[in-house]
């Protein structure tokens, strides 16, 4: 019986990394590098490969760690996932997190000790969020938003660039929009979060306060998208950036209005999906503009 579980556990344990999510984090590191150097050639370097691997493996570590801490909840809500179904044992999952963490930090060492420190911080944030941060309301939301921003910062630092550039400004906009989306998610998940005793803004202060905060964060994200223009970082890419980021800003301003004016908390489910689309468009705006500059 033990041997059968082991054989079935190979593919399920690999699926725990949620490849699509981890690939996106690795790609975000490369985007941070590309917009920092203003060159697509950066994408095809060993530095970019090590950056991608760092983001992929550290993100994967966080994903598997999340499944370990959510095991009891998943037994009820998602019983077919690898851990609650028995396809993967807790012991196997814990060993896998160690392997993923070593691989992620190992890749970061190839880029320097500063990048190693950032990668370790990224891993610590992921672990702490899974361990306790989920129940810490706005602070927990901030950890998630910070995880969205760190890959872009990592990309800039990996190239030794510590001055204000598009990579850092992309991180700022991503943090603000991501935090707004996390607060918005709390409105949509009030019922389940109450059962799990998660103190979101919507539960601790009411959905009205959560709506005001989410809406305000989307507006501030729009304001932050003007910083590359104000700091004159765009050069010949200015018209392209204004066209692309203009669409993104319209989406976020629309979200801010809809969040505030919505009379049903159920609308938050649809709006958080729109927020994700806006974040992706914003990423594209920074990325394309960074390559044109």
Protein backbone atom coordinates (compact mmCIF):
# COMPACT_ATOMS: atom_id res chain seq x y z
CA UNK A 1 0.00 0.00 0.00
CA UNK A 2 2.84 2.35 0.88
CA UNK A 3 4.51 1.61 -2.45
CA UNK A 4 1.31 2.41 -4.37
CA UNK A 5 0.97 5.76 -2.63
CA UNK A 6 4.61 6.50 -3.44
CA UNK A 7 4.10 5.71 -7.12
CA UNK A 8 0.98 7.84 -7.28
CA UNK A 9 2.73 10.61 -5.39
CA UNK A 10 5.29 11.54 -8.08
CA UNK A 11 3.03 13.53 -10.41
CA UNK A 12 0.68 14.83 -7.68
CA UNK A 13 3.59 16.24 -5.68
CA UNK A 14 4.87 18.05 -8.75
CA UNK A 15 1.39 19.50 -9.35
CA UNK A 16 1.51 21.09 -5.89
CA UNK A 17 3.87 23.78 -7.19
CA UNK A 18 0.98 25.15 -9.33
CA UNK A 19 3.23 25.62 -12.38
CA UNK A 20 1.22 28.44 -13.98
CA UNK A 21 1.56 30.62 -10.85
CA UNK A 22 5.26 29.86 -10.38
CA UNK A 23 6.05 30.49 -14.07
CA UNK A 24 4.37 33.90 -13.78
CA UNK A 25 6.53 34.80 -10.78
CA UNK A 26 9.67 33.73 -12.64
CA UNK A 27 8.57 35.76 -15.66
CA UNK A 28 7.97 38.78 -13.41
CA UNK A 29 11.65 38.69 -12.42
CA UNK A 30 12.64 38.74 -16.10
CA UNK A 31 10.25 41.65 -16.71
CA UNK A 32 11.94 43.53 -13.87
CA UNK A 33 15.29 42.96 -15.57
CA UNK A 34 14.04 43.93 -19.03
CA UNK A 35 12.47 47.24 -17.99
CA UNK A 36 15.55 48.07 -15.93
CA UNK A 37 17.98 47.65 -18.84
CA UNK A 38 15.54 48.80 -21.55
CA UNK A 39 16.68 45.87 -23.67
CA UNK A 40 15.09 42.60 -24.71
CA UNK A 41 18.58 41.07 -24.96
CA UNK A 42 18.56 40.77 -21.17
CA UNK A 43 15.90 38.09 -21.45
CA UNK A 44 18.35 35.71 -23.15
CA UNK A 45 21.13 35.73 -20.55
CA UNK A 46 22.27 33.42 -17.76
CA UNK A 47 21.33 36.18 -15.32
CA UNK A 48 17.74 36.08 -16.57
CA UNK A 49 17.68 32.29 -16.33
CA UNK A 50 18.90 32.35 -12.72
CA UNK A 51 16.38 35.08 -11.94
CA UNK A 52 13.56 33.05 -13.45
CA UNK A 53 14.59 29.93 -11.53
CA UNK A 54 14.76 31.89 -8.28
CA UNK A 55 11.23 33.22 -8.74
CA UNK A 56 9.89 29.85 -9.90
CA UNK A 57 11.33 27.75 -7.09
CA UNK A 58 10.69 30.21 -4.24
CA UNK A 59 7.10 30.64 -5.43
CA UNK A 60 6.74 26.86 -5.67
CA UNK A 61 8.06 26.55 -2.10
CA UNK A 62 5.33 28.93 -0.97
CA UNK A 63 2.64 27.01 -2.87
CA UNK A 64 3.53 23.64 -1.37
CA UNK A 65 3.90 25.19 2.07
CA UNK A 66 0.42 26.65 1.68
CA UNK A 67 -1.04 23.21 0.98
CA UNK A 68 0.61 21.81 4.11
CA UNK A 69 -0.86 24.48 6.37
CA UNK A 70 -4.27 24.30 4.66
CA UNK A 71 -4.54 20.51 4.90
CA UNK A 72 -7.43 20.40 7.38
CA UNK A 73 -9.42 23.00 5.46
CA UNK A 74 -8.72 21.26 2.15
CA UNK A 75 -10.01 17.97 3.54
CA UNK A 76 -13.42 19.65 3.54
CA UNK A 77 -13.21 22.15 0.68
CA UNK A 78 -10.83 20.45 -1.77
CA UNK A 79 -10.58 16.75 -0.82
CA UNK A 80 -9.20 15.75 -4.24
CA UNK A 81 -6.02 17.81 -3.87
CA UNK A 82 -2.80 15.77 -3.46
CA UNK A 83 -2.43 16.07 0.33
CA UNK A 84 -6.05 15.54 1.53
CA UNK A 85 -6.56 12.74 -1.01
CA UNK A 86 -3.55 10.84 0.33
CA UNK A 87 -1.71 10.87 -2.99
CA UNK A 88 1.07 12.79 -1.22
CA UNK A 89 2.00 12.44 2.45
CA UNK A 90 2.75 15.40 4.69
CA UNK A 91 6.29 14.06 5.14
CA UNK A 92 6.82 14.00 1.38
CA UNK A 93 5.41 17.52 0.99
CA UNK A 94 7.69 18.90 3.73
CA UNK A 95 10.73 17.28 2.12
CA UNK A 96 9.68 18.79 -1.21
CA UNK A 97 9.51 22.30 0.30
CA UNK A 98 13.12 21.91 1.48
CA UNK A 99 14.24 20.88 -2.02
CA UNK A 100 12.38 23.80 -3.63
CA UNK A 101 13.77 26.31 -1.14
CA UNK A 102 17.35 25.08 -1.62
CA UNK A 103 16.96 25.28 -5.41
CA UNK A 104 15.50 28.80 -5.23
CA UNK A 105 18.13 30.17 -2.86
CA UNK A 106 20.85 28.33 -4.78
CA UNK A 107 19.84 30.07 -8.00
CA UNK A 108 19.86 33.43 -6.22
CA UNK A 109 23.40 32.92 -4.92
CA UNK A 110 24.57 32.88 -8.52
CA UNK A 111 23.47 36.52 -8.77
CA UNK A 112 25.01 37.79 -5.52
CA UNK A 113 24.45 38.03 -1.80
CA UNK A 114 21.96 40.91 -2.04
CA UNK A 115 19.73 38.85 -4.31
CA UNK A 116 20.12 35.92 -1.91
CA UNK A 117 18.82 38.16 0.88
CA UNK A 118 15.84 39.27 -1.20
CA UNK A 119 15.04 35.68 -2.19
CA UNK A 120 15.25 34.59 1.45
CA UNK A 121 12.92 37.45 2.44
CA UNK A 122 10.50 36.44 -0.33
CA UNK A 123 10.49 32.86 0.97
CA UNK A 124 10.03 34.04 4.57
CA UNK A 125 7.06 36.20 3.59
CA UNK A 126 5.46 33.25 1.78
CA UNK A 127 6.00 30.93 4.73
CA UNK A 128 4.78 33.42 7.33
CA UNK A 129 1.66 34.21 5.32
CA UNK A 130 0.81 30.51 5.13
CA UNK A 131 1.62 29.95 8.79
CA UNK A 132 -0.18 32.92 10.33
CA UNK A 133 -0.51 35.88 7.98
CA UNK A 134 -3.78 34.75 6.37
CA UNK A 135 -5.66 35.58 9.55
CA UNK A 136 -4.04 39.00 10.09
CA UNK A 137 -6.34 41.14 7.99
CA UNK A 138 -4.75 44.07 6.18
CA UNK A 139 -1.26 43.02 7.23
CA UNK A 140 -1.81 39.63 5.62
CA UNK A 141 -3.16 41.34 2.49
CA UNK A 142 -0.01 43.47 2.42
CA UNK A 143 2.18 40.36 2.49
CA UNK A 144 0.43 39.03 -0.61
CA UNK A 145 0.75 42.39 -2.38
CA UNK A 146 4.43 42.58 -1.41
CA UNK A 147 4.96 39.14 -2.92
CA UNK A 148 3.60 40.53 -6.21
CA UNK A 149 6.03 43.44 -6.11
CA UNK A 150 9.25 41.72 -4.96
CA UNK A 151 10.01 39.88 -8.25
CA UNK A 152 10.33 43.20 -10.13
CA UNK A 153 12.61 44.61 -7.45
CA UNK A 154 14.63 41.40 -7.52
CA UNK A 155 15.07 41.77 -11.27
CA UNK A 156 16.46 45.29 -10.91
CA UNK A 157 18.77 44.43 -8.02
CA UNK A 158 20.06 41.33 -9.84
CA UNK A 159 21.48 43.72 -12.44
CA UNK A 160 23.03 45.95 -9.78
CA UNK A 161 20.60 48.81 -10.45
CA UNK A 162 19.47 50.55 -7.26
CA UNK A 163 18.39 53.86 -8.80
CA UNK A 164 14.76 54.71 -9.48
CA UNK A 165 13.74 52.96 -12.69
CA UNK A 166 10.69 51.42 -14.35
CA UNK A 167 11.25 48.16 -12.48
CA UNK A 168 10.81 49.77 -9.06
CA UNK A 169 7.86 51.86 -10.21
CA UNK A 170 6.20 48.75 -11.67
CA UNK A 171 6.69 47.11 -8.26
CA UNK A 172 5.00 50.07 -6.56
CA UNK A 173 2.00 50.07 -8.88
CA UNK A 174 1.70 46.28 -8.60
CA UNK A 175 1.79 46.48 -4.79
CA UNK A 176 -0.98 49.09 -4.62
CA UNK A 177 -3.23 47.36 -7.17
CA UNK A 178 -2.56 43.97 -5.61
CA UNK A 179 -3.40 45.24 -2.13
CA UNK A 180 -6.64 46.72 -3.45
CA UNK A 181 -7.53 43.38 -5.03
CA UNK A 182 -6.78 41.48 -1.81
CA UNK A 183 -9.07 43.78 0.19
CA UNK A 184 -11.70 43.32 -2.51
CA UNK A 185 -11.36 39.54 -2.27
CA UNK A 186 -12.08 39.81 1.44
CA UNK A 187 -15.47 41.32 0.61
CA UNK A 188 -16.29 38.42 -1.69
CA UNK A 189 -15.16 35.78 0.81
CA UNK A 190 -16.81 37.05 4.01
CA UNK A 191 -18.82 33.88 4.59
CA UNK A 192 -15.91 31.44 4.28
CA UNK A 193 -13.48 33.74 6.09
CA UNK A 194 -15.77 33.93 9.11
CA UNK A 195 -15.80 30.15 9.36
CA UNK A 196 -11.99 30.08 9.14
CA UNK A 197 -11.70 32.98 11.64
CA UNK A 198 -9.76 35.14 9.18
CA UNK A 199 -9.91 38.80 10.22
CA UNK A 200 -10.15 40.56 6.87
CA UNK A 201 -10.90 44.27 6.66
CA UNK A 202 -14.45 43.40 5.60
CA UNK A 203 -14.98 41.28 8.72
CA UNK A 204 -13.11 43.49 11.22
CA UNK A 205 -14.43 46.85 10.03
CA UNK A 206 -17.38 46.05 7.78
CA UNK A 207 -17.74 45.78 4.02
CA UNK A 208 -18.32 49.53 3.64
CA UNK A 209 -14.88 50.36 5.05
CA UNK A 210 -13.35 47.59 2.94
CA UNK A 211 -14.96 49.05 -0.19
CA UNK A 212 -13.65 52.54 0.57
CA UNK A 213 -10.15 51.19 1.19
CA UNK A 214 -10.09 49.01 -1.95
CA UNK A 215 -11.42 51.86 -4.06
CA UNK A 216 -8.84 54.26 -2.64
CA UNK A 217 -5.99 51.83 -3.34
CA UNK A 218 -7.05 51.48 -6.98
CA UNK A 219 -7.05 55.28 -7.33
CA UNK A 220 -3.60 55.56 -5.72
CA UNK A 221 -2.36 52.84 -8.10
CA UNK A 222 -3.53 55.02 -10.99
CA UNK A 223 -1.65 57.99 -9.51
CA UNK A 224 1.51 55.88 -9.17
CA UNK A 225 1.32 54.96 -12.85
CA UNK A 226 2.03 58.62 -13.65
CA UNK A 227 5.40 58.57 -11.86
CA UNK A 228 7.40 57.31 -14.89
CA UNK A 229 6.06 60.29 -16.83
CA UNK A 230 6.74 62.77 -14.03
CA UNK A 231 10.30 61.44 -13.59
CA UNK A 232 10.94 61.59 -17.35
CA UNK A 233 11.96 57.91 -17.57
CA UNK A 234 10.18 57.03 -20.79
CA UNK A 235 11.91 58.92 -23.58
CA UNK A 236 10.58 57.88 -26.98
CA UNK A 237 8.32 55.29 -25.33
CA UNK A 238 6.15 58.03 -23.83
CA UNK A 239 3.31 57.86 -26.45
CA UNK A 240 3.16 54.05 -26.23
CA UNK A 241 3.16 54.10 -22.44
CA UNK A 242 0.43 56.73 -22.26
CA UNK A 243 -1.76 54.75 -24.66
CA UNK A 244 -1.32 51.43 -22.84
CA UNK A 245 -1.35 52.68 -19.27
CA UNK A 246 -4.32 54.89 -20.15
CA UNK A 247 -6.42 51.76 -20.76
CA UNK A 248 -5.22 50.29 -17.48
CA UNK A 249 -6.01 53.47 -15.57
CA UNK A 250 -9.52 53.60 -17.01
CA UNK A 251 -10.07 50.04 -15.80
CA UNK A 252 -8.91 50.84 -12.28
CA UNK A 253 -10.90 54.06 -12.07
CA UNK A 254 -13.95 52.10 -13.25
CA UNK A 255 -13.22 49.53 -10.53
CA UNK A 256 -12.90 52.24 -7.90
CA UNK A 257 -16.31 53.62 -8.91
CA UNK A 258 -17.98 50.19 -9.09
CA UNK A 259 -16.60 49.08 -5.73
CA UNK A 260 -17.93 52.17 -3.98
CA UNK A 261 -21.29 52.26 -5.74
CA UNK A 262 -22.01 48.52 -5.59
CA UNK A 263 -24.96 47.59 -3.40
CA UNK A 264 -24.22 43.86 -3.40
CA UNK A 265 -21.13 42.26 -1.89
CA UNK A 266 -21.42 39.51 -4.50
CA UNK A 267 -20.23 41.98 -7.14
CA UNK A 268 -16.78 41.71 -5.57
CA UNK A 269 -16.30 38.30 -7.22
CA UNK A 270 -16.63 39.79 -10.69
CA UNK A 271 -14.69 42.94 -9.83
CA UNK A 272 -11.65 41.08 -8.48
CA UNK A 273 -11.36 39.30 -11.84
CA UNK A 274 -11.46 42.66 -13.62
CA UNK A 275 -8.75 43.88 -11.24
CA UNK A 276 -6.52 40.96 -12.24
CA UNK A 277 -7.02 41.85 -15.92
CA UNK A 278 -6.10 45.46 -15.20
CA UNK A 279 -2.94 44.36 -13.41
CA UNK A 280 -1.89 42.25 -16.39
CA UNK A 281 -2.46 45.17 -18.79
CA UNK A 282 -0.40 47.41 -16.52
CA UNK A 283 2.43 44.87 -16.59
CA UNK A 284 2.30 44.83 -20.39
CA UNK A 285 2.36 48.64 -20.50
CA UNK A 286 5.53 48.82 -18.39
CA UNK A 287 7.19 45.90 -20.19
CA UNK A 288 6.64 47.16 -23.75
CA UNK A 289 7.53 50.73 -22.81
CA UNK A 290 10.67 49.56 -21.06
CA UNK A 291 11.88 47.83 -24.20
CA UNK A 292 11.24 50.89 -26.38
CA UNK A 293 12.94 53.51 -24.21
